[in-house]
Amino acid sequence: MSETSATPAYPVGLRLAGRRVVMVGGGTVAQRRLPALLAAGADVTVIAPQVTPSVEAMVTGGEVTWERRTWRDGDLAEAWYALAATDDPDVNAAIVAEAEARRVWCVRTDDADEGTAWTPATGRSDGVTVAVLTSGVHGAGGRDPRRAAAIRDAIVSGLGDGTLVGEQRGPRTAGVALVGGGPGDPDLITVRGRRLLAQADVVVADRLGPRDLLDELPPHVEIIDAAKIPYGRAMAQEAINAVLVEHAKAGRSVVRLKGGDPFVFGRGMEEAEQLAAEGVQVTVVPGISSSISVPGAVGIPVTHRGVAHEFTVVSGHVAPDDPRSLVDWPALARLRGTLVLLMAVENLAAIAAALCEHGRAGDTPVAIIQEGTMATERRVDATLATAAERAAAEGVRPPAVIVIGDVVSLRQSR
């Protein structure tokens, strides 16, 4: 295939909804590429002995199937599209050979010219998908990934502001930007956050950040998975701090991409303090907190004239009777406004019982919104007395935002 690598690629859009896609490899390449494949509705199987925490979260959430082993000949049977993304060039070559024999389009991530398909630099704006392939120096993502990404950014920026004047990527500055990525929908990151992400050399990403944006990063950008899977594997906060310091002191532009807002239960201040103590320049980019955006996305206002004049956001990661809890649950039960719980799925039964015990009515409306603003978003309605039982029956899992109060009963006029 290298003999024809200079031949221009024929651009085409693949319709993968409900069709088998095989990702061989479970590392950061899979972490980048899987969200876009899932957004396209692909039926994805990951074949790898190990996967990153973010990929494992997709498996746990039922989004992808994981075959926990090495690749073997025959794995591409019935596939429409494949990605050879292992760290072994010989294995990747064998995968491409099988794809060629089966007439399956295959991307080889370690050597683009040896695959049968290239992955373009992709961006989206207002329902328009921009995909850029360039010719030039050897490399993945259209063979000149930095140029492709720059052109992509210029076009997407032009679509966003009504011009065709590209966003100035600007010089990279060593340091760390703590970027709030919003509730998950990639369109809900701030303009400044997206610009800094486009300029990054290193991205340290949480599972709850806007994962689709990782696929837009050029291949030279290093992605470090700092996913914190509830009740599962986690990268210790001290290790995250050390990684941020290490890369910033090496002269790199680092983005710490976090879900929601960095300072709303995001441990952003811990990271900022550590970086400042090490003499590292820190930029804080606020993000849209899931505490207000996720209820809003399903039509629930956290305040409303004549219904609720205040809202309170509470972390539910520890139960009310846990000695580590800093929450005054009796006081919360006496409030008449809206109560928004984050990280509270596991402790919902204990929290509901504590609120009822201290005076909140059991028939208070409750909405549980799982994976809000994402394609997999769903809402479960209940009352305070039935919320835990309903959540269990519906198989609700994190991440989920729980809204308690009369605003839940409001309906948008159509």
Protein backbone atom coordinates (compact mmCIF):
# COMPACT_ATOMS: atom_id res chain seq x y z
CA MET A 1 0.00 0.00 0.00
CA SER A 2 2.92 2.36 0.54
CA GLU A 3 3.49 2.38 -3.22
CA THR A 4 0.19 4.21 -3.69
CA SER A 5 0.32 6.35 -0.53
CA ALA A 6 0.86 9.52 -2.57
CA THR A 7 -2.43 8.99 -4.40
CA PRO A 8 -5.08 11.41 -3.10
CA ALA A 9 -7.74 9.85 -0.88
CA TYR A 10 -11.32 9.74 -2.07
CA PRO A 11 -13.43 11.49 0.62
CA VAL A 12 -16.60 9.74 1.74
CA GLY A 13 -18.82 9.68 4.82
CA LEU A 14 -19.45 6.30 6.44
CA ARG A 15 -22.92 5.49 7.76
CA LEU A 16 -22.10 3.13 10.60
CA ALA A 17 -25.33 3.10 12.60
CA GLY A 18 -25.97 -0.45 13.76
CA ARG A 19 -22.96 -1.79 11.86
CA ARG A 20 -20.06 -3.72 13.30
CA VAL A 21 -16.86 -1.76 13.92
CA VAL A 22 -13.79 -3.40 15.41
CA MET A 23 -11.27 -1.40 17.45
CA VAL A 24 -8.14 -3.44 18.11
CA GLY A 25 -6.36 -1.76 21.01
CA GLY A 26 -7.69 -0.16 24.17
CA GLY A 27 -5.28 2.71 24.80
CA THR A 28 -5.51 6.45 24.28
CA VAL A 29 -6.18 6.06 20.55
CA ALA A 30 -9.32 4.10 21.41
CA GLN A 31 -10.21 6.73 23.99
CA ARG A 32 -10.00 9.40 21.28
CA ARG A 33 -11.82 7.57 18.51
CA LEU A 34 -14.59 5.66 20.32
CA PRO A 35 -16.83 8.64 21.22
CA ALA A 36 -17.23 9.66 17.58
CA LEU A 37 -17.94 6.09 16.54
CA LEU A 38 -20.55 5.77 19.28
CA ALA A 39 -22.09 9.09 18.27
CA ALA A 40 -22.42 7.62 14.75
CA GLY A 41 -24.37 4.71 16.21
CA ALA A 42 -21.73 2.08 15.44
CA ASP A 43 -21.86 -1.35 17.09
CA VAL A 44 -18.32 -1.31 18.46
CA THR A 45 -16.23 -4.22 19.69
CA VAL A 46 -12.92 -3.44 21.40
CA ILE A 47 -10.32 -6.21 21.33
CA ALA A 48 -7.49 -5.64 23.79
CA PRO A 49 -5.96 -7.30 26.86
CA GLN A 50 -6.25 -4.00 28.75
CA VAL A 51 -8.09 -0.71 28.27
CA THR A 52 -7.84 2.77 29.76
CA PRO A 53 -10.21 3.72 32.58
CA SER A 54 -12.28 5.89 30.19
CA VAL A 55 -12.69 3.01 27.75
CA GLU A 56 -13.58 0.72 30.66
CA ALA A 57 -16.29 3.20 31.64
CA MET A 58 -17.77 2.91 28.14
CA VAL A 59 -17.75 -0.87 28.54
CA THR A 60 -19.37 -0.69 31.98
CA GLY A 61 -21.99 1.67 30.61
CA GLY A 62 -22.91 -0.80 27.87
CA GLU A 63 -21.73 1.46 25.06
CA VAL A 64 -19.11 -0.93 23.66
CA THR A 65 -18.31 -4.64 23.86
CA TRP A 66 -14.88 -5.58 25.19
CA GLU A 67 -13.18 -8.86 24.31
CA ARG A 68 -10.36 -8.99 26.83
CA ARG A 69 -7.64 -10.66 24.77
CA THR A 70 -5.16 -10.09 21.96
CA TRP A 71 -6.20 -9.91 18.31
CA ARG A 72 -6.45 -13.08 16.28
CA ASP A 73 -7.12 -13.71 12.62
CA GLY A 74 -10.84 -13.77 11.91
CA ASP A 75 -11.75 -10.93 14.30
CA LEU A 76 -12.83 -8.71 11.40
CA ALA A 77 -15.54 -11.09 10.21
CA GLU A 78 -18.74 -9.19 9.40
CA ALA A 79 -17.04 -5.85 10.15
CA TRP A 80 -17.69 -2.75 8.09
CA TYR A 81 -14.81 -0.71 9.47
CA ALA A 82 -11.75 -1.45 11.60
CA LEU A 83 -9.00 0.38 13.44
CA ALA A 84 -5.60 -1.17 14.07
CA ALA A 85 -4.47 0.68 17.19
CA THR A 86 -2.16 -1.65 19.10
CA ASP A 87 1.40 -0.78 20.12
CA ASP A 88 2.80 -3.67 18.07
CA PRO A 89 3.54 -2.77 14.41
CA ASP A 90 3.51 -6.42 13.35
CA VAL A 91 0.06 -6.96 14.82
CA ASN A 92 -1.23 -3.80 13.17
CA ALA A 93 0.16 -4.97 9.83
CA ALA A 94 -1.61 -8.31 10.24
CA ILE A 95 -4.89 -6.58 11.05
CA VAL A 96 -4.60 -4.47 7.90
CA ALA A 97 -3.83 -7.60 5.89
CA GLU A 98 -6.98 -9.30 7.16
CA ALA A 99 -8.98 -6.15 6.43
CA GLU A 100 -7.61 -6.08 2.90
CA ALA A 101 -8.54 -9.73 2.37
CA ARG A 102 -12.07 -9.16 3.71
CA ARG A 103 -12.51 -5.81 1.91
CA VAL A 104 -12.97 -3.95 5.18
CA TRP A 105 -11.82 -0.34 5.34
CA CYS A 106 -9.10 -0.14 8.00
CA VAL A 107 -7.23 2.71 9.66
CA ARG A 108 -3.73 1.93 10.91
CA THR A 109 -2.97 4.45 13.61
CA ASP A 110 0.79 3.94 13.86
CA ASP A 111 1.42 4.20 10.11
CA ALA A 112 -1.38 5.86 8.16
CA ASP A 113 0.10 5.08 4.74
CA GLU A 114 -0.15 1.35 5.41
CA GLY A 115 -3.88 1.44 6.12
CA THR A 116 -6.72 1.45 3.60
CA ALA A 117 -8.42 4.49 5.13
CA TRP A 118 -7.39 7.72 6.80
CA THR A 119 -9.08 9.49 9.69
CA PRO A 120 -9.61 13.18 8.88
CA ALA A 121 -9.35 16.07 11.30
CA THR A 122 -13.02 16.47 12.21
CA GLY A 123 -15.02 19.26 13.81
CA ARG A 124 -18.70 20.12 14.17
CA SER A 125 -20.65 23.35 14.31
CA ASP A 126 -24.43 23.85 14.20
CA GLY A 127 -25.16 20.54 12.54
CA VAL A 128 -22.30 20.78 10.05
CA THR A 129 -19.47 18.24 10.12
CA VAL A 130 -16.12 19.41 8.79
CA ALA A 131 -13.58 16.74 7.83
CA VAL A 132 -10.16 17.73 6.50
CA LEU A 133 -7.61 15.49 4.79
CA THR A 134 -4.29 16.97 3.69
CA SER A 135 -1.32 15.62 1.83
CA GLY A 136 2.22 16.37 2.87
CA VAL A 137 4.46 14.95 5.56
CA HIS A 138 4.03 11.41 6.75
CA GLY A 139 1.68 10.91 9.70
CA ALA A 140 -1.80 9.89 10.74
CA GLY A 141 -4.97 11.90 10.32
CA GLY A 142 -4.59 12.88 6.67
CA ARG A 143 -0.76 12.64 6.52
CA ASP A 144 -0.21 16.21 7.75
CA PRO A 145 -2.25 16.25 10.97
CA ARG A 146 -1.21 19.66 12.29
CA ARG A 147 -2.09 21.40 9.06
CA ALA A 148 -5.34 19.45 8.80
CA ALA A 149 -6.28 20.42 12.37
CA ALA A 150 -5.44 24.09 11.74
CA ILE A 151 -7.60 24.17 8.61
CA ARG A 152 -10.39 22.35 10.43
CA ASP A 153 -10.27 24.88 13.28
CA ALA A 154 -10.36 27.79 10.87
CA ILE A 155 -13.43 26.46 9.09
CA VAL A 156 -15.28 25.57 12.31
CA SER A 157 -14.45 28.99 13.77
CA GLY A 158 -15.73 30.66 10.61
CA LEU A 159 -18.97 28.72 10.78
CA GLY A 160 -19.40 29.74 14.40
CA ASP A 161 -18.95 33.49 13.94
CA GLY A 162 -20.34 33.82 10.44
CA THR A 163 -17.01 34.54 8.77
CA LEU A 164 -14.34 32.50 7.09
CA VAL A 165 -11.59 34.03 9.16
CA GLY A 166 -9.88 31.22 11.02
CA GLU A 167 -9.23 31.22 14.73
CA GLN A 168 -5.71 32.30 15.52
CA ARG A 169 -4.11 29.38 17.26
CA GLY A 170 -1.44 31.66 18.68
CA PRO A 171 1.82 30.75 20.38
CA ARG A 172 1.78 27.95 22.91
CA THR A 173 2.55 29.05 26.45
CA ALA A 174 4.02 26.68 29.00
CA GLY A 175 1.70 26.22 31.96
CA VAL A 176 -1.57 24.58 32.89
CA ALA A 177 -5.11 25.62 32.03
CA LEU A 178 -7.79 24.15 34.28
CA VAL A 179 -10.62 24.00 31.77
CA GLY A 180 -14.21 23.31 32.71
CA GLY A 181 -15.58 21.28 29.82
CA GLY A 182 -19.25 21.56 30.73
CA PRO A 183 -21.74 18.73 31.28
CA GLY A 184 -20.61 16.51 28.40
CA ASP A 185 -22.04 17.84 25.15
CA PRO A 186 -18.98 19.11 23.24
CA ASP A 187 -20.92 22.18 22.07
CA LEU A 188 -21.24 23.35 25.69
CA ILE A 189 -17.56 24.02 26.34
CA THR A 190 -16.68 27.71 26.43
CA VAL A 191 -15.02 29.42 23.47
CA ARG A 192 -11.91 30.07 25.55
CA GLY A 193 -11.77 26.48 26.74
CA ARG A 194 -11.98 25.15 23.20
CA ARG A 195 -9.28 27.56 22.02
CA LEU A 196 -6.88 26.48 24.76
CA LEU A 197 -7.64 22.83 24.01
CA ALA A 198 -6.71 23.44 20.37
CA GLN A 199 -3.36 24.90 21.48
CA ALA A 200 -2.45 22.17 23.95
CA ASP A 201 0.54 19.86 23.78
CA VAL A 202 -0.80 17.65 26.58
CA VAL A 203 -4.39 17.04 27.70
CA VAL A 204 -5.10 15.41 31.06
CA ALA A 205 -8.72 14.36 30.69
CA ASP A 206 -11.45 13.25 33.08
CA ARG A 207 -14.05 10.67 32.10
CA LEU A 208 -16.82 13.24 32.63
CA GLY A 209 -15.28 15.86 30.34
CA PRO A 210 -16.55 16.37 26.77
CA ARG A 211 -14.93 13.21 25.44
CA ASP A 212 -15.94 13.83 21.80
CA LEU A 213 -13.46 16.72 21.69
CA LEU A 214 -10.53 14.35 22.17
CA ASP A 215 -11.07 12.99 18.67
CA GLU A 216 -10.53 16.49 17.28
CA LEU A 217 -7.03 16.77 18.72
CA PRO A 218 -4.07 16.29 16.35
CA PRO A 219 -2.23 12.98 16.80
CA HIS A 220 0.85 14.69 18.27
CA VAL A 221 -1.15 15.86 21.31
CA GLU A 222 -0.53 13.55 24.27
CA ILE A 223 -3.70 12.48 26.07
CA ILE A 224 -3.37 11.30 29.65
CA ASP A 225 -6.38 9.47 31.05
CA ALA A 226 -7.16 10.70 34.54
CA ALA A 227 -10.59 9.08 34.61
CA LYS A 228 -12.12 8.50 37.99
CA ILE A 229 -14.60 5.66 37.55
CA PRO A 230 -17.06 5.60 40.47
CA TYR A 231 -16.23 2.67 42.74
CA GLY A 232 -13.55 1.46 40.32
CA ARG A 233 -10.07 2.32 39.10
CA ALA A 234 -8.81 5.83 39.67
CA MET A 235 -5.67 7.84 39.17
CA ALA A 236 -4.74 9.24 42.58
CA GLN A 237 -5.05 13.02 42.84
CA GLU A 238 -1.41 13.24 43.84
CA ALA A 239 -0.44 11.49 40.62
CA ILE A 240 -2.56 13.88 38.58
CA ASN A 241 -0.92 16.85 40.27
CA ALA A 242 2.53 15.38 39.58
CA VAL A 243 1.75 14.85 35.89
CA LEU A 244 0.54 18.43 35.50
CA VAL A 245 3.66 19.81 37.15
CA GLU A 246 6.00 17.55 35.18
CA HIS A 247 4.69 18.50 31.75
CA ALA A 248 4.35 22.20 32.52
CA LYS A 249 7.93 22.37 33.81
CA ALA A 250 9.05 20.63 30.62
CA GLY A 251 7.80 23.65 28.71
CA ARG A 252 4.55 22.19 27.44
CA SER A 253 1.13 23.76 27.19
CA VAL A 254 -1.13 21.57 29.35
CA VAL A 255 -4.91 21.48 29.54
CA ARG A 256 -6.53 19.78 32.50
CA LEU A 257 -9.92 19.02 30.94
CA LYS A 258 -12.56 18.52 33.61
CA GLY A 259 -16.28 17.90 33.51
CA GLY A 260 -18.57 20.78 34.51
CA ASP A 261 -16.73 23.57 36.29
CA PRO A 262 -13.26 23.03 37.79
CA PHE A 263 -14.28 24.43 41.17
CA VAL A 264 -17.66 22.70 41.58
CA PHE A 265 -16.75 19.36 43.20
CA GLY A 266 -13.94 19.11 40.68
CA ARG A 267 -10.92 19.35 43.00
CA GLY A 268 -9.69 22.13 40.76
CA MET A 269 -8.49 24.24 43.69
CA GLU A 270 -6.29 21.38 44.93
CA GLU A 271 -4.63 21.26 41.55
CA ALA A 272 -4.30 25.04 41.33
CA GLU A 273 -2.71 25.21 44.77
CA GLN A 274 -0.19 22.48 43.94
CA LEU A 275 0.72 24.11 40.64
CA ALA A 276 1.15 27.52 42.26
CA ALA A 277 3.36 26.01 44.95
CA GLU A 278 5.56 24.57 42.19
CA GLY A 279 5.79 27.93 40.43
CA VAL A 280 3.69 26.80 37.45
CA GLN A 281 1.51 29.34 35.66
CA VAL A 282 -2.16 28.45 36.08
CA THR A 283 -5.15 29.64 34.07
CA VAL A 284 -8.65 28.82 35.29
CA VAL A 285 -11.37 28.60 32.65
CA PRO A 286 -14.81 28.30 34.25
CA GLY A 287 -17.22 25.77 32.79
CA ILE A 288 -20.97 25.25 32.75
CA SER A 289 -21.81 23.26 35.86
CA SER A 290 -23.94 20.17 35.39
CA SER A 291 -25.91 21.28 38.46
CA ILE A 292 -27.79 23.85 36.37
CA SER A 293 -27.18 22.78 32.77
CA VAL A 294 -28.37 19.18 33.05
CA PRO A 295 -31.73 20.09 34.66
CA GLY A 296 -32.10 22.88 32.11
CA ALA A 297 -31.44 20.48 29.24
CA VAL A 298 -34.49 18.41 30.20
CA GLY A 299 -36.68 21.45 30.82
CA ILE A 300 -36.27 21.85 34.58
CA PRO A 301 -35.41 25.36 35.80
CA VAL A 302 -33.66 25.25 39.17
CA THR A 303 -35.50 28.47 40.09
CA HIS A 304 -38.86 29.78 38.94
CA ARG A 305 -40.96 32.77 39.95
CA GLY A 306 -43.50 31.75 42.56
CA VAL A 307 -42.06 28.25 42.92
CA ALA A 308 -38.42 28.39 44.06
CA HIS A 309 -36.37 31.41 45.07
CA GLU A 310 -33.19 29.50 45.82
CA PHE A 311 -31.36 26.35 44.84
CA THR A 312 -28.73 24.43 46.74
CA VAL A 313 -26.11 22.16 45.17
CA VAL A 314 -24.88 19.31 47.36
CA SER A 315 -22.36 16.53 46.90
CA GLY A 316 -23.84 13.16 47.78
CA HIS A 317 -20.64 11.14 47.55
CA VAL A 318 -20.81 10.39 51.28
CA ALA A 319 -23.96 9.32 53.12
CA PRO A 320 -25.63 11.62 55.70
CA ASP A 321 -24.53 9.40 58.60
CA ASP A 322 -20.92 9.24 57.39
CA PRO A 323 -18.59 11.06 59.82
CA ARG A 324 -16.83 12.65 56.84
CA SER A 325 -20.00 14.45 55.74
CA LEU A 326 -19.89 18.26 55.93
CA VAL A 327 -23.55 18.71 54.94
CA ASP A 328 -26.20 19.95 57.37
CA TRP A 329 -28.99 17.63 56.20
CA PRO A 330 -31.56 18.79 58.79
CA ALA A 331 -31.10 22.37 57.55
CA LEU A 332 -31.46 21.28 53.93
CA ALA A 333 -34.68 19.45 54.74
CA ARG A 334 -36.18 22.71 56.06
CA LEU A 335 -35.44 24.66 52.87
CA ARG A 336 -38.34 25.28 50.49
CA GLY A 337 -36.28 25.71 47.32
CA THR A 338 -34.65 23.33 44.89
CA LEU A 339 -32.07 20.79 45.97
CA VAL A 340 -29.62 19.51 43.36
CA LEU A 341 -27.56 16.44 44.20
CA LEU A 342 -24.37 15.49 42.38
CA MET A 343 -22.53 12.18 42.79
CA ALA A 344 -25.45 10.84 44.83
CA VAL A 345 -26.69 7.72 43.03
CA GLU A 346 -25.07 5.28 45.46
CA ASN A 347 -26.34 7.12 48.55
CA LEU A 348 -29.76 8.19 47.27
CA ALA A 349 -31.72 5.94 49.63
CA ALA A 350 -29.89 7.26 52.72
CA ILE A 351 -30.17 10.86 51.54
CA ALA A 352 -33.90 10.60 50.83
CA ALA A 353 -34.48 8.99 54.22
CA ALA A 354 -32.55 11.75 56.00
CA LEU A 355 -34.47 14.50 54.22
CA CYS A 356 -37.83 12.88 55.01
CA GLU A 357 -36.80 12.28 58.61
CA HIS A 358 -36.05 15.96 59.06
CA GLY A 359 -39.23 17.28 57.51
CA ARG A 360 -39.08 17.25 53.71
CA ALA A 361 -42.34 15.82 52.37
CA GLY A 362 -42.14 12.34 50.89
CA ASP A 363 -44.27 13.39 47.90
CA THR A 364 -41.76 16.07 46.85
CA PRO A 365 -41.13 15.63 43.10
CA VAL A 366 -37.74 14.21 42.09
CA ALA A 367 -36.07 13.93 38.69
CA ILE A 368 -32.98 11.80 38.08
CA ILE A 369 -31.14 12.72 34.88
CA GLN A 370 -28.48 10.26 33.78
CA GLU A 371 -25.76 11.35 31.33
CA GLY A 372 -27.41 14.71 30.82
CA THR A 373 -26.82 16.60 27.52
CA MET A 374 -25.36 13.43 25.95
CA ALA A 375 -26.93 11.26 23.26
CA THR A 376 -27.56 8.65 25.98
CA GLU A 377 -29.41 11.09 28.26
CA ARG A 378 -32.45 9.77 30.08
CA ARG A 379 -34.74 11.07 32.79
CA VAL A 380 -36.43 9.10 35.56
CA ASP A 381 -39.20 10.82 37.57
CA ALA A 382 -40.22 9.87 41.09
CA THR A 383 -40.94 11.33 44.51
CA LEU A 384 -38.59 11.66 47.42
CA ALA A 385 -40.17 8.59 49.01
CA THR A 386 -39.82 6.45 45.86
CA ALA A 387 -36.66 7.87 44.24
CA ALA A 388 -34.19 5.24 45.44
CA GLU A 389 -36.49 2.37 44.52
CA ARG A 390 -37.16 3.85 41.07
CA ALA A 391 -33.47 4.47 40.44
CA ALA A 392 -32.65 0.86 41.28
CA ALA A 393 -35.49 -0.50 39.16
CA GLU A 394 -34.41 1.61 36.18
CA GLY A 395 -30.75 0.69 36.56
CA VAL A 396 -29.64 4.30 36.97
CA ARG A 397 -25.88 4.66 37.13
CA PRO A 398 -23.45 7.58 37.43
CA PRO A 399 -23.08 10.20 36.19
CA ALA A 400 -26.50 11.47 37.15
CA VAL A 401 -27.92 14.73 38.47
CA ILE A 402 -30.79 14.47 40.96
CA VAL A 403 -33.23 17.39 41.29
CA ILE A 404 -35.56 17.60 44.29
CA GLY A 405 -38.33 20.18 44.46
CA ASP A 406 -41.51 21.54 42.93
CA VAL A 407 -39.65 22.82 39.85
CA VAL A 408 -39.49 19.21 38.67
CA SER A 409 -43.24 19.32 37.99
CA LEU A 410 -42.99 22.32 35.69
CA ARG A 411 -43.38 21.64 31.97
CA GLN A 412 -42.11 23.71 29.08
CA SER A 413 -44.84 25.19 26.92
CA ARG A 414 -44.54 24.04 23.32
